[in-house]
Amino acid sequence: MLYKRIVIIISILFLLLVCLSTAYSLQTYQSQLPVVEVKYIASDAICPSEAIYEDPNGGYYLLVVNEQEGPWGKEYILKQVFVNIASKGSFVVLLGPPPVEPVVLSSNLPIDADSIVNVSYLDN
């Protein structure tokens, strides 16, 4: 009888340890992700120039945030969207409709397409 109680207590302690270490690992992982500031582009297709990246093969692209369900909840993954621009200055006029996803304006760490990030929304 005592043996069964000891086994149950050890099993419960082991399960508690696994849950706590998983939570700690997830929190540590999340805190090390790049934080990007994003903004939705209005229908007038005027975009801040800091959101435009120049492709080495020619052309321009934006990094947009794609929200997906991950194993621990929502994940925010960057995707590359090629755009045509009409003019370049402090603001850029996009030719064609703007993307419906939020556009990355800045990041605290280096980023590229397919990066997993934390998102900070800026007011429009």
Protein backbone atom coordinates (compact mmCIF):
# COMPACT_ATOMS: atom_id res chain seq x y z
CA MET A 1 0.00 0.00 0.00
CA LEU A 2 2.77 2.43 0.91
CA TYR A 3 4.62 1.49 -2.28
CA LYS A 4 1.63 2.50 -4.45
CA ARG A 5 1.37 5.89 -2.73
CA ILE A 6 5.08 6.56 -3.25
CA VAL A 7 4.79 5.63 -6.94
CA ILE A 8 1.77 7.95 -7.35
CA ILE A 9 3.52 10.84 -5.59
CA ILE A 10 6.68 10.39 -7.70
CA SER A 11 4.57 10.23 -10.88
CA ILE A 12 2.74 13.43 -9.96
CA LEU A 13 6.00 15.21 -9.15
CA PHE A 14 7.51 14.05 -12.46
CA LEU A 15 4.47 15.29 -14.41
CA LEU A 16 4.63 18.63 -12.60
CA LEU A 17 8.34 18.94 -13.40
CA VAL A 18 7.72 18.21 -17.09
CA CYS A 19 4.92 20.81 -17.27
CA LEU A 20 7.01 23.49 -15.54
CA SER A 21 10.08 22.87 -17.71
CA THR A 22 7.94 23.00 -20.87
CA ALA A 23 6.41 26.32 -19.80
CA TYR A 24 9.84 27.74 -18.98
CA SER A 25 11.26 26.59 -22.34
CA LEU A 26 8.36 28.15 -24.24
CA GLN A 27 8.71 31.44 -22.38
CA THR A 28 12.46 31.54 -23.04
CA TYR A 29 11.93 30.74 -26.74
CA GLN A 30 9.27 33.46 -27.12
CA SER A 31 11.46 36.08 -25.44
CA GLN A 32 14.32 35.45 -27.89
CA LEU A 33 12.24 35.97 -31.05
CA PRO A 34 12.66 39.22 -33.01
CA VAL A 35 10.01 41.85 -32.30
CA VAL A 36 8.70 43.55 -35.43
CA GLU A 37 6.64 46.72 -35.62
CA VAL A 38 3.89 46.35 -38.20
CA LYS A 39 1.22 48.49 -39.74
CA TYR A 40 -1.68 47.86 -42.10
CA ILE A 41 -1.33 49.69 -45.42
CA ALA A 42 -4.41 51.76 -46.24
CA SER A 43 -6.32 51.25 -49.46
CA ASP A 44 -4.62 54.33 -50.98
CA ALA A 45 -1.49 52.13 -51.27
CA ILE A 46 0.89 54.69 -49.76
CA CYS A 47 3.55 52.85 -47.83
CA PRO A 48 6.42 54.12 -45.62
CA SER A 49 9.74 53.66 -47.42
CA GLU A 50 11.28 51.75 -44.49
CA ALA A 51 8.90 48.87 -45.29
CA ILE A 52 10.30 48.47 -48.83
CA TYR A 53 13.21 46.10 -49.42
CA GLU A 54 15.20 45.93 -52.64
CA ASP A 55 15.68 42.48 -54.11
CA PRO A 56 19.25 41.66 -55.27
CA ASN A 57 17.80 40.36 -58.56
CA GLY A 58 15.92 43.61 -59.14
CA GLY A 59 12.51 44.65 -57.96
CA TYR A 60 11.06 45.49 -54.58
CA TYR A 61 9.29 43.55 -51.88
CA LEU A 62 7.55 43.93 -48.52
CA LEU A 63 7.72 41.60 -45.55
CA VAL A 64 4.23 40.83 -44.30
CA VAL A 65 3.09 38.95 -41.20
CA ASN A 66 1.23 35.72 -41.77
CA GLU A 67 -0.59 34.36 -38.72
CA GLN A 68 -0.63 30.57 -38.36
CA GLU A 69 -1.61 28.07 -35.69
CA GLY A 70 1.50 26.53 -34.17
CA PRO A 71 1.88 23.75 -31.61
CA TRP A 72 1.67 26.26 -28.72
CA GLY A 73 -0.85 28.71 -30.18
CA LYS A 74 -0.52 31.44 -32.78
CA GLU A 75 2.78 31.91 -34.61
CA TYR A 76 3.63 34.94 -36.71
CA ILE A 77 5.73 34.09 -39.76
CA LEU A 78 7.12 36.64 -42.22
CA LYS A 79 6.40 36.24 -45.92
CA GLN A 80 7.91 38.10 -48.87
CA VAL A 81 5.45 39.92 -51.16
CA PHE A 82 6.84 41.46 -54.35
CA VAL A 83 5.40 44.86 -55.27
CA ASN A 84 5.68 47.41 -58.05
CA ILE A 85 6.27 50.99 -56.95
CA ALA A 86 5.49 54.26 -58.69
CA SER A 87 7.80 56.56 -56.74
CA LYS A 88 10.34 56.37 -53.97
CA GLY A 89 10.92 58.91 -51.21
CA SER A 90 9.96 58.97 -47.54
CA PHE A 91 6.72 57.36 -48.68
CA VAL A 92 6.24 54.96 -51.58
CA VAL A 93 3.20 54.64 -53.81
CA LEU A 94 2.44 50.99 -54.53
CA LEU A 95 1.06 50.07 -57.93
CA GLY A 96 -1.80 47.65 -57.48
CA PRO A 97 -3.69 46.75 -54.34
CA PRO A 98 -1.76 46.77 -51.06
CA PRO A 99 -1.36 43.50 -49.13
CA VAL A 100 -4.12 42.64 -46.67
CA GLU A 101 -1.61 41.41 -44.08
CA PRO A 102 0.23 43.84 -41.79
CA VAL A 103 3.52 45.10 -43.24
CA VAL A 104 6.79 45.07 -41.27
CA LEU A 105 8.25 48.54 -40.66
CA SER A 106 11.12 47.71 -38.30
CA SER A 107 12.65 44.98 -36.17
CA ASN A 108 14.93 44.78 -33.15
CA LEU A 109 16.90 41.88 -34.74
CA PRO A 110 17.81 40.90 -38.32
CA ILE A 111 14.86 39.30 -40.12
CA ASP A 112 14.01 37.81 -43.49
CA ALA A 113 11.24 35.80 -45.10
CA ASP A 114 10.11 32.77 -43.08
CA SER A 115 11.34 34.27 -39.78
CA ILE A 116 9.11 33.57 -36.77
CA VAL A 117 8.55 36.82 -34.86
CA ASN A 118 6.64 38.57 -32.11
CA VAL A 119 4.42 41.38 -33.38
CA SER A 120 3.92 44.93 -32.14
CA TYR A 121 1.12 46.79 -33.95
CA LEU A 122 1.51 50.50 -34.64
CA ASP A 123 -1.50 52.82 -34.80
CA ASN A 124 -2.64 53.66 -38.32
